[in-house]
Structure formats: structure tokens, C-alpha cells
Amino acid sequence: MVQKRRYDVLTEIGKNKPNAVIYDIHILSGRFDDVVKAFVRTQSISEDVVNMPLAVVDPSADAVFIAFYENTAFNAGQILKCFDDMESARFWIKNRMR
């Protein structure tokens, strides 16, 4: 399910070319399932997404994994940050857009 959602989101980004994206994944099961899959996701990101601020909303208790995912995305050239709540994600996106 995660791969299908990822594909759907990347397809919409490619079509609509937004300036930024907030992606709320807190209801998806298996969203942050393992380190290898997370690494592959960040390395195989579309050119449409690389320079776009992407806020991921996921109130996960796994702070170590979230930090790994953010660092891996950064190393791949992405502007990505994870948040526990939508309000914080919106604030971050608004500040990135200035």
C-alpha cells in the first residue's frame, strides 16, 4: 500500500508541479517499515520532488528512524522534514516558501 500511495503522490506532483507538498501518512500501515526500504525511497525520488519542500506528517514514536529518514533524504538532495502534527508542517512549509 505504501508503494502505491507513493506512486500516486509522485504522479500528482509531476502533473501539477506544486511549490511544496504536505503529505499526511499517519493512517498508513507499514509507512516506516524498515531502513532499507526507506533508503531506497529517498534514493529513487523523482526530479519533480528533489528541490521541493516536502513536509511529512506522521506522529511516529520512532525518533531514531525519523532522523535517519530525514538525513537520508537530505543526502539525496531533498528538502524533507517530518512532523507530529499538521500545524507544524504548515508553519515549516510557509517559512520555506518565503
C-alpha atoms as a PDB file:
ATOM      1  CA  MET A   1       0.000   0.000   0.000  1.00  0.00           C
ATOM      2  CA  VAL A   2       2.829   2.427   0.806  1.00  0.00           C
ATOM      3  CA  GLN A   3       4.386   1.986  -2.647  1.00  0.00           C
ATOM      4  CA  LYS A   4       1.013   2.591  -4.348  1.00  0.00           C
ATOM      5  CA  ARG A   5       0.417   5.774  -2.334  1.00  0.00           C
ATOM      6  CA  ARG A   6       3.959   6.944  -3.039  1.00  0.00           C
ATOM      7  CA  TYR A   7       3.440   6.364  -6.753  1.00  0.00           C
ATOM      8  CA  ASP A   8       0.090   8.228  -6.674  1.00  0.00           C
ATOM      9  CA  VAL A   9       1.603  11.214  -4.863  1.00  0.00           C
ATOM     10  CA  LEU A  10       4.629  11.414  -7.168  1.00  0.00           C
ATOM     11  CA  THR A  11       2.342  11.183 -10.212  1.00  0.00           C
ATOM     12  CA  GLU A  12       0.214  14.082  -8.949  1.00  0.00           C
ATOM     13  CA  ILE A  13       3.315  16.142  -8.187  1.00  0.00           C
ATOM     14  CA  GLY A  14       4.587  15.508 -11.704  1.00  0.00           C
ATOM     15  CA  LYS A  15       1.266  16.601 -13.224  1.00  0.00           C
ATOM     16  CA  ASN A  16       0.521  19.632 -11.056  1.00  0.00           C
ATOM     17  CA  LYS A  17       4.034  20.950 -10.279  1.00  0.00           C
ATOM     18  CA  PRO A  18       3.221  22.404  -6.828  1.00  0.00           C
ATOM     19  CA  ASN A  19       5.736  24.596  -4.992  1.00  0.00           C
ATOM     20  CA  ALA A  20       5.578  22.427  -1.854  1.00  0.00           C
ATOM     21  CA  VAL A  21       3.781  19.354  -0.517  1.00  0.00           C
ATOM     22  CA  ILE A  22       2.438  18.284   2.861  1.00  0.00           C
ATOM     23  CA  TYR A  23       1.972  14.532   2.942  1.00  0.00           C
ATOM     24  CA  ASP A  24      -0.059  13.169   5.882  1.00  0.00           C
ATOM     25  CA  ILE A  25       0.773   9.478   6.242  1.00  0.00           C
ATOM     26  CA  HIS A  26      -0.222   8.821   9.832  1.00  0.00           C
ATOM     27  CA  ILE A  27      -3.052   6.418   8.898  1.00  0.00           C
ATOM     28  CA  LEU A  28      -0.953   4.232   6.585  1.00  0.00           C
ATOM     29  CA  SER A  29       0.274   0.938   7.974  1.00  0.00           C
ATOM     30  CA  GLY A  30       3.825  -0.025   7.090  1.00  0.00           C
ATOM     31  CA  ARG A  31       4.714   3.578   6.356  1.00  0.00           C
ATOM     32  CA  PHE A  32       8.091   3.424   8.075  1.00  0.00           C
ATOM     33  CA  ASP A  33       8.717  -0.263   7.950  1.00  0.00           C
ATOM     34  CA  ASP A  34      12.442  -0.717   7.558  1.00  0.00           C
ATOM     35  CA  VAL A  35      15.688   1.128   6.955  1.00  0.00           C
ATOM     36  CA  VAL A  36      16.483  -0.446   3.584  1.00  0.00           C
ATOM     37  CA  LYS A  37      13.093   0.460   2.077  1.00  0.00           C
ATOM     38  CA  ALA A  38      13.370   3.999   3.430  1.00  0.00           C
ATOM     39  CA  PHE A  39      16.818   4.377   1.905  1.00  0.00           C
ATOM     40  CA  VAL A  40      15.594   3.116  -1.486  1.00  0.00           C
ATOM     41  CA  ARG A  41      12.618   5.510  -1.374  1.00  0.00           C
ATOM     42  CA  THR A  42      14.841   8.526  -0.823  1.00  0.00           C
ATOM     43  CA  GLN A  43      17.336   7.479  -3.491  1.00  0.00           C
ATOM     44  CA  SER A  44      14.719   6.851  -6.179  1.00  0.00           C
ATOM     45  CA  ILE A  45      12.858  10.136  -5.847  1.00  0.00           C
ATOM     46  CA  SER A  46      11.578  11.928  -8.919  1.00  0.00           C
ATOM     47  CA  GLU A  47      13.314  15.044 -10.246  1.00  0.00           C
ATOM     48  CA  ASP A  48       9.994  16.860  -9.698  1.00  0.00           C
ATOM     49  CA  VAL A  49      10.379  16.422  -5.946  1.00  0.00           C
ATOM     50  CA  VAL A  50      14.092  16.939  -5.326  1.00  0.00           C
ATOM     51  CA  ASN A  51      14.038  20.740  -4.918  1.00  0.00           C
ATOM     52  CA  MET A  52      10.546  20.989  -3.461  1.00  0.00           C
ATOM     53  CA  PRO A  53       9.891  21.326   0.281  1.00  0.00           C
ATOM     54  CA  LEU A  54       8.098  18.188   1.437  1.00  0.00           C
ATOM     55  CA  ALA A  55       6.592  18.012   4.922  1.00  0.00           C
ATOM     56  CA  VAL A  56       5.601  14.544   6.118  1.00  0.00           C
ATOM     57  CA  VAL A  57       3.029  14.374   8.924  1.00  0.00           C
ATOM     58  CA  ASP A  58       3.472  11.209  10.959  1.00  0.00           C
ATOM     59  CA  PRO A  59       3.202  11.184  14.756  1.00  0.00           C
ATOM     60  CA  SER A  60       5.585   8.232  14.963  1.00  0.00           C
ATOM     61  CA  ALA A  61       7.231   7.359  18.234  1.00  0.00           C
ATOM     62  CA  ASP A  62      10.356   6.163  16.418  1.00  0.00           C
ATOM     63  CA  ALA A  63      12.511   9.305  16.601  1.00  0.00           C
ATOM     64  CA  VAL A  64      15.659   7.430  15.556  1.00  0.00           C
ATOM     65  CA  PHE A  65      14.044   6.199  12.350  1.00  0.00           C
ATOM     66  CA  ILE A  66      12.575   9.637  11.578  1.00  0.00           C
ATOM     67  CA  ALA A  67      16.023  11.218  11.993  1.00  0.00           C
ATOM     68  CA  PHE A  68      17.516   8.547   9.704  1.00  0.00           C
ATOM     69  CA  TYR A  69      14.839   9.187   7.062  1.00  0.00           C
ATOM     70  CA  GLU A  70      15.312  12.970   7.169  1.00  0.00           C
ATOM     71  CA  ASN A  71      19.104  12.640   6.934  1.00  0.00           C
ATOM     72  CA  THR A  72      18.913  10.144   4.075  1.00  0.00           C
ATOM     73  CA  ALA A  73      16.507  12.409   2.187  1.00  0.00           C
ATOM     74  CA  PHE A  74      18.801  15.400   2.788  1.00  0.00           C
ATOM     75  CA  ASN A  75      21.805  13.457   1.498  1.00  0.00           C
ATOM     76  CA  ALA A  76      19.794  12.661  -1.653  1.00  0.00           C
ATOM     77  CA  GLY A  77      19.186  16.387  -2.211  1.00  0.00           C
ATOM     78  CA  GLN A  78      15.632  16.545  -0.907  1.00  0.00           C
ATOM     79  CA  ILE A  79      14.120  19.229   1.298  1.00  0.00           C
ATOM     80  CA  LEU A  80      12.142  16.984   3.634  1.00  0.00           C
ATOM     81  CA  LYS A  81      11.095  17.243   7.270  1.00  0.00           C
ATOM     82  CA  CYS A  82       8.810  15.045   9.367  1.00  0.00           C
ATOM     83  CA  PHE A  83       6.280  16.450  11.826  1.00  0.00           C
ATOM     84  CA  ASP A  84       3.944  15.155  14.509  1.00  0.00           C
ATOM     85  CA  ASP A  85       1.107  17.475  13.534  1.00  0.00           C
ATOM     86  CA  MET A  86      -0.308  19.333  10.543  1.00  0.00           C
ATOM     87  CA  GLU A  87       0.021  22.799  12.092  1.00  0.00           C
ATOM     88  CA  SER A  88       3.793  22.459  12.499  1.00  0.00           C
ATOM     89  CA  ALA A  89       4.114  21.112   8.948  1.00  0.00           C
ATOM     90  CA  ARG A  90       2.174  24.075   7.537  1.00  0.00           C
ATOM     91  CA  PHE A  91       4.287  26.546   9.510  1.00  0.00           C
ATOM     92  CA  TRP A  92       7.509  24.971   8.198  1.00  0.00           C
ATOM     93  CA  ILE A  93       6.243  24.966   4.586  1.00  0.00           C
ATOM     94  CA  LYS A  94       5.183  28.623   4.826  1.00  0.00           C
ATOM     95  CA  ASN A  95       8.619  29.607   6.128  1.00  0.00           C
ATOM     96  CA  ARG A  96      10.375  27.601   3.392  1.00  0.00           C
ATOM     97  CA  MET A  97       8.319  29.392   0.742  1.00  0.00           C
ATOM     98  CA  ARG A  98       9.497  32.875   1.748  1.00  0.00           C
END
